[in-house]
Amino acid sequence: MWIEVRGAAKPFWLDTDQCRLPNGELAFAYENLQKPAIPSWFAAPPASKLRETSENLWAWYNMHEHRSLRCSVQEVLAFYEDSI
């Protein structure tokens, strides 16, 4: 989440994740820290191997997964056709 800092010579926006109290805690508490529901169609192929993942739940929800899988081109296309 971004907040506007007023009283400056020009407009200035600040990411609330960067606003900290002297003890290091976040200055702004978030009311709802629940992860959003992931749709059922958003699923990795069962045989794929998870290589790397990252997740950020603060100012916005952000999740990345890097996976690999050995298969044919036709299998990859079939998987994505089923997804859409």
PDB file of N, CA and C in Angstrom:
ATOM      1  N   MET A   1       0.849  -1.171   0.000  1.00  0.00           N
ATOM      2  CA  MET A   1       0.000   0.000   0.000  1.00  0.00           C
ATOM      3  C   MET A   1       0.898   1.238   0.000  1.00  0.00           C
ATOM      4  N   TRP A   2       0.454   2.256  -0.690  1.00  0.00           N
ATOM      5  CA  TRP A   2       1.208   3.499  -0.790  1.00  0.00           C
ATOM      6  C   TRP A   2       0.434   4.623  -0.121  1.00  0.00           C
ATOM      7  N   ILE A   3       1.159   5.533   0.504  1.00  0.00           N
ATOM      8  CA  ILE A   3       0.532   6.704   1.112  1.00  0.00           C
ATOM      9  C   ILE A   3       1.184   7.954   0.539  1.00  0.00           C
ATOM     10  N   GLU A   4       0.395   9.027   0.467  1.00  0.00           N
ATOM     11  CA  GLU A   4       0.927  10.292  -0.034  1.00  0.00           C
ATOM     12  C   GLU A   4       1.483  11.095   1.138  1.00  0.00           C
ATOM     13  N   VAL A   5       2.695  11.575   0.999  1.00  0.00           N
ATOM     14  CA  VAL A   5       3.314  12.426   2.015  1.00  0.00           C
ATOM     15  C   VAL A   5       2.987  13.862   1.628  1.00  0.00           C
ATOM     16  N   ARG A   6       2.272  14.545   2.499  1.00  0.00           N
ATOM     17  CA  ARG A   6       1.848  15.911   2.197  1.00  0.00           C
ATOM     18  C   ARG A   6       2.763  16.921   2.875  1.00  0.00           C
ATOM     19  N   GLY A   7       2.754  18.125   2.352  1.00  0.00           N
ATOM     20  CA  GLY A   7       3.556  19.195   2.930  1.00  0.00           C
ATOM     21  C   GLY A   7       4.927  19.308   2.280  1.00  0.00           C
ATOM     22  N   ALA A   8       5.188  18.508   1.265  1.00  0.00           N
ATOM     23  CA  ALA A   8       6.467  18.581   0.558  1.00  0.00           C
ATOM     24  C   ALA A   8       6.330  19.529  -0.627  1.00  0.00           C
ATOM     25  N   ALA A   9       7.444  19.904  -1.206  1.00  0.00           N
ATOM     26  CA  ALA A   9       7.426  20.818  -2.346  1.00  0.00           C
ATOM     27  C   ALA A   9       6.743  20.205  -3.561  1.00  0.00           C
ATOM     28  N   LYS A  10       6.847  18.901  -3.708  1.00  0.00           N
ATOM     29  CA  LYS A  10       6.186  18.210  -4.818  1.00  0.00           C
ATOM     30  C   LYS A  10       5.601  16.899  -4.295  1.00  0.00           C
ATOM     31  N   PRO A  11       4.658  16.298  -5.026  1.00  0.00           N
ATOM     32  CA  PRO A  11       4.027  15.056  -4.561  1.00  0.00           C
ATOM     33  C   PRO A  11       5.064  13.954  -4.298  1.00  0.00           C
ATOM     34  N   PHE A  12       4.852  13.213  -3.217  1.00  0.00           N
ATOM     35  CA  PHE A  12       5.774  12.144  -2.842  1.00  0.00           C
ATOM     36  C   PHE A  12       4.952  10.975  -2.309  1.00  0.00           C
ATOM     37  N   TRP A  13       5.172   9.803  -2.868  1.00  0.00           N
ATOM     38  CA  TRP A  13       4.452   8.601  -2.443  1.00  0.00           C
ATOM     39  C   TRP A  13       5.428   7.652  -1.777  1.00  0.00           C
ATOM     40  N   LEU A  14       4.991   7.017  -0.689  1.00  0.00           N
ATOM     41  CA  LEU A  14       5.855   6.147   0.100  1.00  0.00           C
ATOM     42  C   LEU A  14       5.191   4.792   0.303  1.00  0.00           C
ATOM     43  N   ASP A  15       5.939   3.736   0.078  1.00  0.00           N
ATOM     44  CA  ASP A  15       5.449   2.373   0.316  1.00  0.00           C
ATOM     45  C   ASP A  15       5.368   2.158   1.823  1.00  0.00           C
ATOM     46  N   THR A  16       4.200   1.742   2.322  1.00  0.00           N
ATOM     47  CA  THR A  16       4.033   1.578   3.765  1.00  0.00           C
ATOM     48  C   THR A  16       4.924   0.481   4.336  1.00  0.00           C
ATOM     49  N   ASP A  17       5.393  -0.446   3.486  1.00  0.00           N
ATOM     50  CA  ASP A  17       6.322  -1.473   3.974  1.00  0.00           C
ATOM     51  C   ASP A  17       7.661  -0.860   4.386  1.00  0.00           C
ATOM     52  N   GLN A  18       7.921   0.367   3.941  1.00  0.00           N
ATOM     53  CA  GLN A  18       9.169   1.037   4.282  1.00  0.00           C
ATOM     54  C   GLN A  18       9.049   1.927   5.519  1.00  0.00           C
ATOM     55  N   CYS A  19       7.826   2.077   6.047  1.00  0.00           N
ATOM     56  CA  CYS A  19       7.598   2.900   7.239  1.00  0.00           C
ATOM     57  C   CYS A  19       7.753   2.034   8.486  1.00  0.00           C
ATOM     58  N   ARG A  20       8.797   2.264   9.245  1.00  0.00           N
ATOM     59  CA  ARG A  20       9.088   1.453  10.436  1.00  0.00           C
ATOM     60  C   ARG A  20       9.124   2.318  11.688  1.00  0.00           C
ATOM     61  N   LEU A  21       8.750   1.709  12.803  1.00  0.00           N
ATOM     62  CA  LEU A  21       8.865   2.358  14.105  1.00  0.00           C
ATOM     63  C   LEU A  21      10.320   2.252  14.558  1.00  0.00           C
ATOM     64  N   PRO A  22      10.716   3.013  15.590  1.00  0.00           N
ATOM     65  CA  PRO A  22      12.101   2.936  16.058  1.00  0.00           C
ATOM     66  C   PRO A  22      12.543   1.518  16.456  1.00  0.00           C
ATOM     67  N   ASN A  23      11.590   0.670  16.877  1.00  0.00           N
ATOM     68  CA  ASN A  23      11.961  -0.697  17.272  1.00  0.00           C
ATOM     69  C   ASN A  23      12.018  -1.651  16.068  1.00  0.00           C
ATOM     70  N   GLY A  24      11.747  -1.147  14.850  1.00  0.00           N
ATOM     71  CA  GLY A  24      11.846  -1.967  13.655  1.00  0.00           C
ATOM     72  C   GLY A  24      10.531  -2.554  13.171  1.00  0.00           C
ATOM     73  N   GLU A  25       9.471  -2.453  13.963  1.00  0.00           N
ATOM     74  CA  GLU A  25       8.174  -2.990  13.549  1.00  0.00           C
ATOM     75  C   GLU A  25       7.551  -2.087  12.493  1.00  0.00           C
ATOM     76  N   LEU A  26       6.651  -2.677  11.682  1.00  0.00           N
ATOM     77  CA  LEU A  26       5.938  -1.880  10.683  1.00  0.00           C
ATOM     78  C   LEU A  26       5.095  -0.813  11.366  1.00  0.00           C
ATOM     79  N   ALA A  27       5.082   0.392  10.811  1.00  0.00           N
ATOM     80  CA  ALA A  27       4.315   1.489  11.393  1.00  0.00           C
ATOM     81  C   ALA A  27       2.826   1.367  11.087  1.00  0.00           C
ATOM     82  N   PHE A  28       2.487   0.673  10.000  1.00  0.00           N
ATOM     83  CA  PHE A  28       1.089   0.524   9.607  1.00  0.00           C
ATOM     84  C   PHE A  28       0.705  -0.942   9.694  1.00  0.00           C
ATOM     85  N   ALA A  29      -0.338  -1.236  10.460  1.00  0.00           N
ATOM     86  CA  ALA A  29      -0.819  -2.616  10.580  1.00  0.00           C
ATOM     87  C   ALA A  29      -1.849  -2.878   9.499  1.00  0.00           C
ATOM     88  N   TYR A  30      -1.820  -4.056   8.959  1.00  0.00           N
ATOM     89  CA  TYR A  30      -2.791  -4.439   7.942  1.00  0.00           C
ATOM     90  C   TYR A  30      -3.918  -5.210   8.612  1.00  0.00           C
ATOM     91  N   GLU A  31      -5.136  -4.866   8.269  1.00  0.00           N
ATOM     92  CA  GLU A  31      -6.302  -5.476   8.892  1.00  0.00           C
ATOM     93  C   GLU A  31      -6.502  -6.920   8.452  1.00  0.00           C
ATOM     94  N   ASN A  32      -6.317  -7.185   7.166  1.00  0.00           N
ATOM     95  CA  ASN A  32      -6.605  -8.507   6.637  1.00  0.00           C
ATOM     96  C   ASN A  32      -5.349  -9.089   5.988  1.00  0.00           C
ATOM     97  N   LEU A  33      -4.698 -10.005   6.655  1.00  0.00           N
ATOM     98  CA  LEU A  33      -3.480 -10.609   6.131  1.00  0.00           C
ATOM     99  C   LEU A  33      -3.730 -11.997   5.561  1.00  0.00           C
ATOM    100  N   GLN A  34      -4.967 -12.287   5.224  1.00  0.00           N
ATOM    101  CA  GLN A  34      -5.286 -13.605   4.693  1.00  0.00           C
ATOM    102  C   GLN A  34      -4.851 -13.699   3.237  1.00  0.00           C
ATOM    103  N   LYS A  35      -4.394 -14.878   2.863  1.00  0.00           N
ATOM    104  CA  LYS A  35      -4.020 -15.107   1.476  1.00  0.00           C
ATOM    105  C   LYS A  35      -5.286 -15.247   0.644  1.00  0.00           C
ATOM    106  N   PRO A  36      -5.290 -14.687  -0.559  1.00  0.00           N
ATOM    107  CA  PRO A  36      -6.465 -14.858  -1.407  1.00  0.00           C
ATOM    108  C   PRO A  36      -6.596 -16.309  -1.862  1.00  0.00           C
ATOM    109  N   ALA A  37      -7.806 -16.706  -2.145  1.00  0.00           N
ATOM    110  CA  ALA A  37      -8.039 -18.072  -2.613  1.00  0.00           C
ATOM    111  C   ALA A  37      -7.451 -18.234  -4.010  1.00  0.00           C
ATOM    112  N   ILE A  38      -6.765 -19.319  -4.232  1.00  0.00           N
ATOM    113  CA  ILE A  38      -6.195 -19.602  -5.544  1.00  0.00           C
ATOM    114  C   ILE A  38      -7.218 -20.409  -6.331  1.00  0.00           C
ATOM    115  N   PRO A  39      -7.543 -19.986  -7.554  1.00  0.00           N
ATOM    116  CA  PRO A  39      -8.536 -20.714  -8.343  1.00  0.00           C
ATOM    117  C   PRO A  39      -8.107 -22.160  -8.597  1.00  0.00           C
ATOM    118  N   SER A  40      -9.081 -23.043  -8.734  1.00  0.00           N
ATOM    119  CA  SER A  40      -8.773 -24.463  -8.929  1.00  0.00           C
ATOM    120  C   SER A  40      -8.039 -24.716 -10.233  1.00  0.00           C
ATOM    121  N   TRP A  41      -8.257 -23.871 -11.254  1.00  0.00           N
ATOM    122  CA  TRP A  41      -7.587 -24.077 -12.530  1.00  0.00           C
ATOM    123  C   TRP A  41      -6.123 -23.678 -12.474  1.00  0.00           C
ATOM    124  N   PHE A  42      -5.719 -22.942 -11.434  1.00  0.00           N
ATOM    125  CA  PHE A  42      -4.339 -22.488 -11.311  1.00  0.00           C
ATOM    126  C   PHE A  42      -3.545 -23.532 -10.534  1.00  0.00           C
ATOM    127  N   ALA A  43      -3.202 -24.602 -11.195  1.00  0.00           N
ATOM    128  CA  ALA A  43      -2.491 -25.694 -10.539  1.00  0.00           C
ATOM    129  C   ALA A  43      -1.335 -26.141 -11.418  1.00  0.00           C
ATOM    130  N   ALA A  44      -0.254 -26.484 -10.791  1.00  0.00           N
ATOM    131  CA  ALA A  44       0.914 -26.966 -11.528  1.00  0.00           C
ATOM    132  C   ALA A  44       0.697 -28.422 -11.918  1.00  0.00           C
ATOM    133  N   PRO A  45       1.306 -28.856 -13.011  1.00  0.00           N
ATOM    134  CA  PRO A  45       1.210 -30.274 -13.366  1.00  0.00           C
ATOM    135  C   PRO A  45       1.718 -31.136 -12.205  1.00  0.00           C
ATOM    136  N   PRO A  46       1.027 -32.202 -11.869  1.00  0.00           N
ATOM    137  CA  PRO A  46       1.383 -33.008 -10.697  1.00  0.00           C
ATOM    138  C   PRO A  46       2.811 -33.561 -10.725  1.00  0.00           C
ATOM    139  N   ALA A  47       3.334 -33.847 -11.902  1.00  0.00           N
ATOM    140  CA  ALA A  47       4.676 -34.433 -11.987  1.00  0.00           C
ATOM    141  C   ALA A  47       5.786 -33.381 -12.009  1.00  0.00           C
ATOM    142  N   SER A  48       5.429 -32.104 -11.997  1.00  0.00           N
ATOM    143  CA  SER A  48       6.460 -31.067 -12.077  1.00  0.00           C
ATOM    144  C   SER A  48       7.238 -30.969 -10.770  1.00  0.00           C
ATOM    145  N   LYS A  49       8.477 -30.499 -10.887  1.00  0.00           N
ATOM    146  CA  LYS A  49       9.349 -30.366  -9.720  1.00  0.00           C
ATOM    147  C   LYS A  49       9.502 -28.889  -9.388  1.00  0.00           C
ATOM    148  N   LEU A  50       9.213 -28.533  -8.130  1.00  0.00           N
ATOM    149  CA  LEU A  50       9.339 -27.153  -7.670  1.00  0.00           C
ATOM    150  C   LEU A  50      10.812 -26.805  -7.525  1.00  0.00           C
ATOM    151  N   ARG A  51      11.267 -25.770  -8.218  1.00  0.00           N
ATOM    152  CA  ARG A  51      12.670 -25.343  -8.183  1.00  0.00           C
ATOM    153  C   ARG A  51      12.894 -24.153  -7.260  1.00  0.00           C
ATOM    154  N   GLU A  52      11.931 -23.219  -7.249  1.00  0.00           N
ATOM    155  CA  GLU A  52      12.086 -21.999  -6.454  1.00  0.00           C
ATOM    156  C   GLU A  52      10.710 -21.397  -6.205  1.00  0.00           C
ATOM    157  N   THR A  53      10.531 -20.782  -5.050  1.00  0.00           N
ATOM    158  CA  THR A  53       9.264 -20.128  -4.747  1.00  0.00           C
ATOM    159  C   THR A  53       9.524 -18.871  -3.922  1.00  0.00           C
ATOM    160  N   SER A  54       8.654 -17.882  -4.089  1.00  0.00           N
ATOM    161  CA  SER A  54       8.725 -16.684  -3.260  1.00  0.00           C
ATOM    162  C   SER A  54       7.305 -16.195  -3.028  1.00  0.00           C
ATOM    163  N   GLU A  55       7.085 -15.583  -1.885  1.00  0.00           N
ATOM    164  CA  GLU A  55       5.748 -15.155  -1.508  1.00  0.00           C
ATOM    165  C   GLU A  55       5.841 -13.864  -0.702  1.00  0.00           C
ATOM    166  N   ASN A  56       5.018 -12.893  -1.059  1.00  0.00           N
ATOM    167  CA  ASN A  56       4.988 -11.610  -0.368  1.00  0.00           C
ATOM    168  C   ASN A  56       3.534 -11.302  -0.028  1.00  0.00           C
ATOM    169  N   LEU A  57       3.242 -11.057   1.217  1.00  0.00           N
ATOM    170  CA  LEU A  57       1.862 -10.864   1.659  1.00  0.00           C
ATOM    171  C   LEU A  57       1.589  -9.452   2.163  1.00  0.00           C
ATOM    172  N   TRP A  58       2.533  -8.542   2.049  1.00  0.00           N
ATOM    173  CA  TRP A  58       2.326  -7.243   2.676  1.00  0.00           C
ATOM    174  C   TRP A  58       1.529  -6.280   1.824  1.00  0.00           C
ATOM    175  N   ALA A  59       2.126  -5.343   1.127  1.00  0.00           N
ATOM    176  CA  ALA A  59       1.376  -4.299   0.430  1.00  0.00           C
ATOM    177  C   ALA A  59       0.475  -4.865  -0.663  1.00  0.00           C
ATOM    178  N   TRP A  60       0.846  -5.967  -1.228  1.00  0.00           N
ATOM    179  CA  TRP A  60       0.013  -6.678  -2.196  1.00  0.00           C
ATOM    180  C   TRP A  60       0.416  -8.133  -2.124  1.00  0.00           C
ATOM    181  N   TYR A  61      -0.452  -8.990  -2.590  1.00  0.00           N
ATOM    182  CA  TYR A  61      -0.129 -10.418  -2.542  1.00  0.00           C
ATOM    183  C   TYR A  61       0.613 -10.794  -3.808  1.00  0.00           C
ATOM    184  N   ASN A  62       1.706 -11.475  -3.648  1.00  0.00           N
ATOM    185  CA  ASN A  62       2.569 -11.803  -4.766  1.00  0.00           C
ATOM    186  C   ASN A  62       3.155 -13.189  -4.524  1.00  0.00           C
ATOM    187  N   MET A  63       2.965 -14.102  -5.451  1.00  0.00           N
ATOM    188  CA  MET A  63       3.518 -15.447  -5.300  1.00  0.00           C
ATOM    189  C   MET A  63       4.097 -15.907  -6.629  1.00  0.00           C
ATOM    190  N   HIS A  64       5.306 -16.431  -6.590  1.00  0.00           N
ATOM    191  CA  HIS A  64       5.966 -16.949  -7.785  1.00  0.00           C
ATOM    192  C   HIS A  64       6.428 -18.365  -7.522  1.00  0.00           C
ATOM    193  N   GLU A  65       6.281 -19.211  -8.520  1.00  0.00           N
ATOM    194  CA  GLU A  65       6.826 -20.568  -8.474  1.00  0.00           C
ATOM    195  C   GLU A  65       7.569 -20.827  -9.777  1.00  0.00           C
ATOM    196  N   HIS A  66       8.732 -21.412  -9.671  1.00  0.00           N
ATOM    197  CA  HIS A  66       9.489 -21.842 -10.835  1.00  0.00           C
ATOM    198  C   HIS A  66       9.530 -23.366 -10.788  1.00  0.00           C
ATOM    199  N   ARG A  67       9.012 -23.997 -11.838  1.00  0.00           N
ATOM    200  CA  ARG A  67       8.912 -25.451 -11.885  1.00  0.00           C
ATOM    201  C   ARG A  67       9.540 -25.976 -13.161  1.00  0.00           C
ATOM    202  N   SER A  68       9.860 -27.253 -13.143  1.00  0.00           N
ATOM    203  CA  SER A  68      10.363 -27.903 -14.350  1.00  0.00           C
ATOM    204  C   SER A  68       9.705 -29.270 -14.491  1.00  0.00           C
ATOM    205  N   LEU A  69       9.658 -29.734 -15.740  1.00  0.00           N
ATOM    206  CA  LEU A  69       9.003 -31.003 -16.033  1.00  0.00           C
ATOM    207  C   LEU A  69       9.500 -31.500 -17.386  1.00  0.00           C
ATOM    208  N   ARG A  70       9.841 -32.764 -17.446  1.00  0.00           N
ATOM    209  CA  ARG A  70      10.218 -33.362 -18.730  1.00  0.00           C
ATOM    210  C   ARG A  70       8.967 -33.959 -19.364  1.00  0.00           C
ATOM    211  N   CYS A  71       8.642 -33.454 -20.560  1.00  0.00           N
ATOM    212  CA  CYS A  71       7.488 -33.969 -21.288  1.00  0.00           C
ATOM    213  C   CYS A  71       7.573 -33.490 -22.732  1.00  0.00           C
ATOM    214  N   SER A  72       6.651 -33.952 -23.529  1.00  0.00           N
ATOM    215  CA  SER A  72       6.639 -33.574 -24.945  1.00  0.00           C
ATOM    216  C   SER A  72       5.942 -32.226 -25.125  1.00  0.00           C
ATOM    217  N   VAL A  73       6.142 -31.646 -26.277  1.00  0.00           N
ATOM    218  CA  VAL A  73       5.483 -30.388 -26.609  1.00  0.00           C
ATOM    219  C   VAL A  73       3.968 -30.563 -26.567  1.00  0.00           C
ATOM    220  N   GLN A  74       3.479 -31.676 -27.062  1.00  0.00           N
ATOM    221  CA  GLN A  74       2.043 -31.929 -27.075  1.00  0.00           C
ATOM    222  C   GLN A  74       1.476 -31.979 -25.656  1.00  0.00           C
ATOM    223  N   GLU A  75       2.222 -32.535 -24.710  1.00  0.00           N
ATOM    224  CA  GLU A  75       1.762 -32.592 -23.314  1.00  0.00           C
ATOM    225  C   GLU A  75       1.702 -31.196 -22.697  1.00  0.00           C
ATOM    226  N   VAL A  76       2.677 -30.355 -23.021  1.00  0.00           N
ATOM    227  CA  VAL A  76       2.673 -28.976 -22.507  1.00  0.00           C
ATOM    228  C   VAL A  76       1.466 -28.227 -23.061  1.00  0.00           C
ATOM    229  N   LEU A  77       1.249 -28.323 -24.366  1.00  0.00           N
ATOM    230  CA  LEU A  77       0.105 -27.647 -24.984  1.00  0.00           C
ATOM    231  C   LEU A  77      -1.213 -28.162 -24.428  1.00  0.00           C
ATOM    232  N   ALA A  78      -1.322 -29.463 -24.226  1.00  0.00           N
ATOM    233  CA  ALA A  78      -2.551 -30.046 -23.674  1.00  0.00           C
ATOM    234  C   ALA A  78      -2.810 -29.518 -22.267  1.00  0.00           C
ATOM    235  N   PHE A  79      -1.765 -29.390 -21.454  1.00  0.00           N
ATOM    236  CA  PHE A  79      -1.925 -28.874 -20.097  1.00  0.00           C
ATOM    237  C   PHE A  79      -2.478 -27.455 -20.117  1.00  0.00           C
ATOM    238  N   TYR A  80      -1.893 -26.571 -20.952  1.00  0.00           N
ATOM    239  CA  TYR A  80      -2.350 -25.200 -20.996  1.00  0.00           C
ATOM    240  C   TYR A  80      -3.715 -25.065 -21.660  1.00  0.00           C
ATOM    241  N   GLU A  81      -4.030 -25.903 -22.636  1.00  0.00           N
ATOM    242  CA  GLU A  81      -5.365 -25.877 -23.226  1.00  0.00           C
ATOM    243  C   GLU A  81      -6.427 -26.260 -22.194  1.00  0.00           C
ATOM    244  N   ASP A  82      -6.105 -27.213 -21.339  1.00  0.00           N
ATOM    245  CA  ASP A  82      -7.038 -27.588 -20.275  1.00  0.00           C
ATOM    246  C   ASP A  82      -7.217 -26.463 -19.264  1.00  0.00           C
ATOM    247  N   SER A  83      -6.160 -25.653 -19.070  1.00  0.00           N
ATOM    248  CA  SER A  83      -6.210 -24.558 -18.100  1.00  0.00           C
ATOM    249  C   SER A  83      -7.107 -23.419 -18.577  1.00  0.00           C
ATOM    250  N   ILE A  84      -7.150 -23.232 -19.877  1.00  0.00           N
ATOM    251  CA  ILE A  84      -7.957 -22.110 -20.389  1.00  0.00           C
ATOM    252  C   ILE A  84      -9.261 -22.600 -20.941  1.00  0.00           C
TER     253      ILE A  84
END
